[in-house]
Amino acid sequence: SIEKGQAAIDSQRNLLTWVQKNANRAAQLRSSSGRVSGFSGSLPQAVNQAANRLKIVISRMQPQNNEIQVWVDQAPFNDVLSWLQSLEKMGIIILDIDIAESDLPGHVKIRRLKLGKS
């Protein structure tokens, strides 16, 4: 159990290092995404199409009025950033997000992503 614990600690350290290296890219993508006029189309359709372009598999989607909640079991972190950037460029805003590490290096789980129309 000591070896398992040490392996878990090493894994968490590696994840922290990777996230710290990629956090700058996330900030750059967020600041470079120009605001566009409000989104007026179908939120589920736009979210699905943007995810499909990046081969992100949505495990669950729950529309609620002018908002939608999305869950993704596993996706590459960089693809998730590109997906979120493309949604913002369309005028879809990120209201809340809960991301966790995945079993694969460089991949994340989206426990909950709440999107809305701007």
N, C-alpha and C. Protein backbone atom coordinates (compact mmCIF):
# COMPACT_ATOMS: atom_id res chain seq x y z
N SER A 1 0.80 -1.20 0.00
CA SER A 1 0.00 0.00 0.00
C SER A 1 0.85 1.26 0.00
N ILE A 2 2.04 1.19 0.54
CA ILE A 2 2.93 2.35 0.50
C ILE A 2 3.31 2.65 -0.95
N GLU A 3 3.60 1.59 -1.71
CA GLU A 3 3.96 1.78 -3.13
C GLU A 3 2.79 2.36 -3.91
N LYS A 4 1.58 1.90 -3.64
CA LYS A 4 0.39 2.44 -4.31
C LYS A 4 0.20 3.91 -3.95
N GLY A 5 0.39 4.23 -2.69
CA GLY A 5 0.26 5.61 -2.25
C GLY A 5 1.30 6.50 -2.90
N GLN A 6 2.55 6.02 -2.98
CA GLN A 6 3.60 6.79 -3.62
C GLN A 6 3.31 6.97 -5.11
N ALA A 7 2.79 5.93 -5.76
CA ALA A 7 2.43 6.04 -7.18
C ALA A 7 1.32 7.06 -7.37
N ALA A 8 0.35 7.08 -6.46
CA ALA A 8 -0.74 8.06 -6.56
C ALA A 8 -0.21 9.48 -6.38
N ILE A 9 0.70 9.66 -5.44
CA ILE A 9 1.30 10.97 -5.23
C ILE A 9 2.07 11.41 -6.48
N ASP A 10 2.86 10.50 -7.05
CA ASP A 10 3.61 10.82 -8.26
C ASP A 10 2.68 11.18 -9.41
N SER A 11 1.59 10.46 -9.53
CA SER A 11 0.61 10.74 -10.58
C SER A 11 0.01 12.13 -10.39
N GLN A 12 -0.33 12.49 -9.17
CA GLN A 12 -0.90 13.81 -8.88
C GLN A 12 0.11 14.91 -9.16
N ARG A 13 1.38 14.67 -8.83
CA ARG A 13 2.42 15.66 -9.11
C ARG A 13 2.58 15.87 -10.61
N ASN A 14 2.55 14.76 -11.36
CA ASN A 14 2.66 14.86 -12.83
C ASN A 14 1.48 15.63 -13.41
N LEU A 15 0.29 15.37 -12.90
CA LEU A 15 -0.89 16.08 -13.37
C LEU A 15 -0.78 17.57 -13.05
N LEU A 16 -0.35 17.90 -11.85
CA LEU A 16 -0.19 19.30 -11.46
C LEU A 16 0.80 20.01 -12.38
N THR A 17 1.92 19.37 -12.65
CA THR A 17 2.93 19.95 -13.55
C THR A 17 2.34 20.17 -14.93
N TRP A 18 1.60 19.18 -15.43
CA TRP A 18 1.01 19.28 -16.77
C TRP A 18 -0.02 20.41 -16.81
N VAL A 19 -0.87 20.51 -15.79
CA VAL A 19 -1.90 21.55 -15.75
C VAL A 19 -1.24 22.93 -15.67
N GLN A 20 -0.20 23.05 -14.85
CA GLN A 20 0.48 24.34 -14.73
C GLN A 20 1.09 24.76 -16.07
N LYS A 21 1.65 23.81 -16.82
CA LYS A 21 2.22 24.13 -18.12
C LYS A 21 1.15 24.57 -19.12
N ASN A 22 -0.02 23.95 -19.03
CA ASN A 22 -1.09 24.23 -19.99
C ASN A 22 -2.04 25.33 -19.54
N ALA A 23 -1.94 25.79 -18.32
CA ALA A 23 -2.82 26.85 -17.82
C ALA A 23 -2.61 28.14 -18.60
N ASN A 24 -1.38 28.42 -18.97
CA ASN A 24 -1.10 29.62 -19.77
C ASN A 24 -1.82 29.57 -21.11
N ARG A 25 -1.84 28.40 -21.72
CA ARG A 25 -2.53 28.25 -23.01
C ARG A 25 -4.02 28.50 -22.83
N ALA A 26 -4.59 28.00 -21.76
CA ALA A 26 -6.01 28.21 -21.50
C ALA A 26 -6.31 29.70 -21.35
N ALA A 27 -5.45 30.40 -20.62
CA ALA A 27 -5.65 31.84 -20.43
C ALA A 27 -5.52 32.59 -21.75
N GLN A 28 -4.56 32.18 -22.59
CA GLN A 28 -4.38 32.82 -23.89
C GLN A 28 -5.60 32.60 -24.77
N LEU A 29 -6.12 31.39 -24.78
CA LEU A 29 -7.30 31.10 -25.59
C LEU A 29 -8.49 31.92 -25.12
N ARG A 30 -8.63 32.04 -23.82
CA ARG A 30 -9.77 32.79 -23.28
C ARG A 30 -9.67 34.27 -23.63
N SER A 31 -8.47 34.83 -23.52
CA SER A 31 -8.31 36.26 -23.80
C SER A 31 -8.36 36.56 -25.29
N SER A 32 -7.96 35.60 -26.13
CA SER A 32 -7.95 35.85 -27.56
C SER A 32 -9.31 35.63 -28.21
N SER A 33 -10.23 35.01 -27.48
CA SER A 33 -11.54 34.77 -28.07
C SER A 33 -12.35 36.05 -28.05
N GLY A 34 -12.54 36.59 -29.22
CA GLY A 34 -13.31 37.83 -29.34
C GLY A 34 -14.77 37.60 -29.08
N ARG A 35 -15.40 38.52 -28.41
CA ARG A 35 -16.83 38.42 -28.14
C ARG A 35 -17.61 38.68 -29.42
N VAL A 36 -18.62 37.88 -29.63
CA VAL A 36 -19.49 38.06 -30.77
C VAL A 36 -20.89 38.36 -30.25
N SER A 37 -21.77 38.69 -31.16
CA SER A 37 -23.14 38.97 -30.72
C SER A 37 -23.76 37.71 -30.14
N GLY A 38 -24.86 37.88 -29.42
CA GLY A 38 -25.51 36.78 -28.72
C GLY A 38 -25.85 35.62 -29.62
N PHE A 39 -25.81 34.44 -29.07
CA PHE A 39 -26.14 33.21 -29.78
C PHE A 39 -27.66 33.07 -29.84
N SER A 40 -28.17 32.72 -31.02
CA SER A 40 -29.63 32.63 -31.15
C SER A 40 -30.10 31.29 -31.69
N GLY A 41 -29.18 30.35 -31.97
CA GLY A 41 -29.58 29.06 -32.55
C GLY A 41 -29.92 28.03 -31.48
N SER A 42 -29.91 26.78 -31.89
CA SER A 42 -30.18 25.65 -31.00
C SER A 42 -28.91 25.34 -30.21
N LEU A 43 -28.98 25.52 -28.90
CA LEU A 43 -27.83 25.28 -28.04
C LEU A 43 -27.35 23.82 -28.10
N PRO A 44 -28.24 22.83 -27.96
CA PRO A 44 -27.78 21.43 -28.04
C PRO A 44 -27.12 21.11 -29.39
N GLN A 45 -27.70 21.61 -30.46
CA GLN A 45 -27.14 21.34 -31.78
C GLN A 45 -25.75 21.96 -31.93
N ALA A 46 -25.58 23.19 -31.51
CA ALA A 46 -24.29 23.87 -31.62
C ALA A 46 -23.23 23.18 -30.78
N VAL A 47 -23.60 22.78 -29.57
CA VAL A 47 -22.66 22.11 -28.68
C VAL A 47 -22.24 20.78 -29.27
N ASN A 48 -23.21 20.01 -29.79
CA ASN A 48 -22.90 18.72 -30.41
C ASN A 48 -22.00 18.87 -31.63
N GLN A 49 -22.32 19.81 -32.50
CA GLN A 49 -21.53 19.99 -33.72
C GLN A 49 -20.10 20.40 -33.40
N ALA A 50 -19.92 21.31 -32.45
CA ALA A 50 -18.58 21.74 -32.08
C ALA A 50 -17.80 20.58 -31.45
N ALA A 51 -18.46 19.77 -30.63
CA ALA A 51 -17.81 18.61 -30.01
C ALA A 51 -17.43 17.57 -31.06
N ASN A 52 -18.32 17.33 -32.01
CA ASN A 52 -18.05 16.34 -33.06
C ASN A 52 -16.85 16.73 -33.91
N ARG A 53 -16.69 18.04 -34.18
CA ARG A 53 -15.54 18.49 -34.98
C ARG A 53 -14.22 18.12 -34.30
N LEU A 54 -14.20 18.10 -32.99
CA LEU A 54 -12.97 17.78 -32.25
C LEU A 54 -12.97 16.35 -31.71
N LYS A 55 -13.96 15.56 -32.13
CA LYS A 55 -14.09 14.16 -31.72
C LYS A 55 -14.23 14.02 -30.19
N ILE A 56 -14.91 14.99 -29.58
CA ILE A 56 -15.22 14.92 -28.15
C ILE A 56 -16.57 14.23 -28.01
N VAL A 57 -16.59 13.16 -27.23
CA VAL A 57 -17.82 12.38 -27.06
C VAL A 57 -18.55 12.87 -25.81
N ILE A 58 -19.74 13.41 -26.01
CA ILE A 58 -20.56 13.89 -24.91
C ILE A 58 -21.32 12.70 -24.35
N SER A 59 -21.15 12.45 -23.05
CA SER A 59 -21.81 11.29 -22.45
C SER A 59 -23.24 11.61 -22.00
N ARG A 60 -23.48 12.88 -21.68
CA ARG A 60 -24.83 13.27 -21.24
C ARG A 60 -25.02 14.75 -21.50
N MET A 61 -26.25 15.10 -21.87
CA MET A 61 -26.59 16.49 -22.13
C MET A 61 -27.99 16.75 -21.58
N GLN A 62 -28.14 17.85 -20.86
CA GLN A 62 -29.44 18.17 -20.26
C GLN A 62 -29.79 19.64 -20.52
N PRO A 63 -30.65 19.90 -21.52
CA PRO A 63 -31.07 21.28 -21.79
C PRO A 63 -32.03 21.78 -20.70
N GLN A 64 -31.90 23.08 -20.37
CA GLN A 64 -32.79 23.72 -19.39
C GLN A 64 -33.02 25.16 -19.85
N ASN A 65 -34.14 25.42 -20.49
CA ASN A 65 -34.47 26.75 -21.01
C ASN A 65 -33.37 27.25 -21.94
N ASN A 66 -32.71 28.35 -21.59
CA ASN A 66 -31.64 28.91 -22.42
C ASN A 66 -30.26 28.47 -21.95
N GLU A 67 -30.21 27.38 -21.20
CA GLU A 67 -28.95 26.83 -20.71
C GLU A 67 -28.90 25.35 -21.01
N ILE A 68 -27.70 24.80 -20.90
CA ILE A 68 -27.52 23.37 -21.11
C ILE A 68 -26.40 22.88 -20.21
N GLN A 69 -26.57 21.67 -19.66
CA GLN A 69 -25.50 21.05 -18.89
C GLN A 69 -24.97 19.88 -19.69
N VAL A 70 -23.64 19.74 -19.68
CA VAL A 70 -22.97 18.73 -20.49
C VAL A 70 -21.98 17.97 -19.63
N TRP A 71 -21.87 16.66 -19.86
CA TRP A 71 -20.90 15.81 -19.19
C TRP A 71 -20.09 15.07 -20.25
N VAL A 72 -18.78 14.97 -20.03
CA VAL A 72 -17.88 14.25 -20.93
C VAL A 72 -17.04 13.32 -20.06
N ASP A 73 -17.05 12.02 -20.41
CA ASP A 73 -16.32 11.04 -19.60
C ASP A 73 -14.81 11.18 -19.74
N GLN A 74 -14.35 11.49 -20.96
CA GLN A 74 -12.91 11.59 -21.17
C GLN A 74 -12.63 12.29 -22.48
N ALA A 75 -11.71 13.24 -22.45
CA ALA A 75 -11.32 13.95 -23.67
C ALA A 75 -9.94 14.57 -23.45
N PRO A 76 -9.16 14.73 -24.52
CA PRO A 76 -7.87 15.40 -24.38
C PRO A 76 -8.06 16.85 -23.92
N PHE A 77 -7.24 17.26 -22.97
CA PHE A 77 -7.35 18.60 -22.39
C PHE A 77 -7.28 19.69 -23.46
N ASN A 78 -6.33 19.57 -24.38
CA ASN A 78 -6.17 20.59 -25.42
C ASN A 78 -7.40 20.67 -26.32
N ASP A 79 -8.02 19.52 -26.60
CA ASP A 79 -9.25 19.52 -27.41
C ASP A 79 -10.40 20.18 -26.65
N VAL A 80 -10.46 19.96 -25.35
CA VAL A 80 -11.50 20.59 -24.53
C VAL A 80 -11.34 22.11 -24.58
N LEU A 81 -10.09 22.58 -24.48
CA LEU A 81 -9.86 24.03 -24.56
C LEU A 81 -10.30 24.58 -25.91
N SER A 82 -9.96 23.88 -26.98
CA SER A 82 -10.36 24.33 -28.32
C SER A 82 -11.87 24.32 -28.47
N TRP A 83 -12.51 23.32 -27.91
CA TRP A 83 -13.97 23.20 -27.97
C TRP A 83 -14.63 24.38 -27.24
N LEU A 84 -14.14 24.66 -26.04
CA LEU A 84 -14.71 25.76 -25.27
C LEU A 84 -14.48 27.10 -25.97
N GLN A 85 -13.33 27.26 -26.58
CA GLN A 85 -13.04 28.49 -27.31
C GLN A 85 -13.99 28.63 -28.50
N SER A 86 -14.23 27.54 -29.22
CA SER A 86 -15.12 27.62 -30.38
C SER A 86 -16.56 27.95 -29.94
N LEU A 87 -16.98 27.43 -28.78
CA LEU A 87 -18.31 27.74 -28.27
C LEU A 87 -18.42 29.22 -27.91
N GLU A 88 -17.39 29.76 -27.28
CA GLU A 88 -17.40 31.18 -26.92
C GLU A 88 -17.42 32.06 -28.16
N LYS A 89 -16.72 31.65 -29.21
CA LYS A 89 -16.71 32.43 -30.46
C LYS A 89 -18.10 32.46 -31.10
N MET A 90 -18.88 31.42 -30.85
CA MET A 90 -20.25 31.38 -31.39
C MET A 90 -21.20 32.23 -30.56
N GLY A 91 -20.76 32.70 -29.40
CA GLY A 91 -21.63 33.48 -28.54
C GLY A 91 -22.23 32.67 -27.40
N ILE A 92 -21.73 31.46 -27.20
CA ILE A 92 -22.18 30.61 -26.10
C ILE A 92 -21.25 30.89 -24.92
N ILE A 93 -21.83 31.14 -23.75
CA ILE A 93 -20.99 31.48 -22.61
C ILE A 93 -20.89 30.30 -21.64
N ILE A 94 -19.74 30.21 -21.00
CA ILE A 94 -19.50 29.18 -20.00
C ILE A 94 -19.94 29.74 -18.66
N LEU A 95 -20.97 29.15 -18.09
CA LEU A 95 -21.51 29.62 -16.81
C LEU A 95 -20.83 28.94 -15.63
N ASP A 96 -20.48 27.66 -15.79
CA ASP A 96 -19.86 26.91 -14.71
C ASP A 96 -19.20 25.68 -15.31
N ILE A 97 -18.08 25.26 -14.72
CA ILE A 97 -17.42 24.05 -15.21
C ILE A 97 -16.72 23.35 -14.06
N ASP A 98 -16.79 22.03 -14.06
CA ASP A 98 -16.11 21.20 -13.07
C ASP A 98 -15.33 20.14 -13.85
N ILE A 99 -14.01 20.25 -13.82
CA ILE A 99 -13.14 19.35 -14.58
C ILE A 99 -12.30 18.55 -13.60
N ALA A 100 -12.10 17.26 -13.92
CA ALA A 100 -11.25 16.39 -13.10
C ALA A 100 -10.29 15.64 -14.00
N GLU A 101 -9.24 15.11 -13.40
CA GLU A 101 -8.29 14.34 -14.18
C GLU A 101 -8.92 13.02 -14.63
N SER A 102 -8.40 12.50 -15.71
CA SER A 102 -8.85 11.22 -16.24
C SER A 102 -7.76 10.18 -15.99
N ASP A 103 -8.04 8.94 -16.32
CA ASP A 103 -7.04 7.89 -16.14
C ASP A 103 -5.90 8.00 -17.16
N LEU A 104 -6.19 8.59 -18.31
CA LEU A 104 -5.16 8.73 -19.34
C LEU A 104 -4.42 10.05 -19.18
N PRO A 105 -3.11 10.04 -19.34
CA PRO A 105 -2.35 11.29 -19.25
C PRO A 105 -2.80 12.29 -20.31
N GLY A 106 -2.95 13.54 -19.92
CA GLY A 106 -3.35 14.59 -20.86
C GLY A 106 -4.84 14.63 -21.15
N HIS A 107 -5.61 13.78 -20.50
CA HIS A 107 -7.06 13.73 -20.68
C HIS A 107 -7.76 14.19 -19.41
N VAL A 108 -8.95 14.72 -19.58
CA VAL A 108 -9.75 15.19 -18.45
C VAL A 108 -11.18 14.67 -18.57
N LYS A 109 -11.89 14.72 -17.45
CA LYS A 109 -13.32 14.42 -17.40
C LYS A 109 -14.02 15.75 -17.15
N ILE A 110 -15.10 15.98 -17.82
CA ILE A 110 -15.92 17.15 -17.50
C ILE A 110 -17.08 16.62 -16.67
N ARG A 111 -17.00 16.88 -15.38
CA ARG A 111 -18.05 16.41 -14.48
C ARG A 111 -19.34 17.18 -14.68
N ARG A 112 -19.19 18.46 -15.01
CA ARG A 112 -20.37 19.29 -15.30
C ARG A 112 -19.92 20.54 -16.00
N LEU A 113 -20.53 20.82 -17.12
CA LEU A 113 -20.28 22.05 -17.86
C LEU A 113 -21.64 22.69 -18.10
N LYS A 114 -21.81 23.90 -17.59
CA LYS A 114 -23.07 24.62 -17.76
C LYS A 114 -22.84 25.75 -18.74
N LEU A 115 -23.57 25.72 -19.85
CA LEU A 115 -23.44 26.70 -20.92
C LEU A 115 -24.73 27.49 -21.07
N GLY A 116 -24.61 28.70 -21.55
CA GLY A 116 -25.78 29.53 -21.77
C GLY A 116 -25.62 30.41 -22.98
N LYS A 117 -26.69 31.05 -23.36
CA LYS A 117 -26.68 31.98 -24.49
C LYS A 117 -26.31 33.36 -23.96
N SER A 118 -25.44 34.05 -24.71
CA SER A 118 -25.06 35.41 -24.28
C SER A 118 -26.02 36.44 -24.80
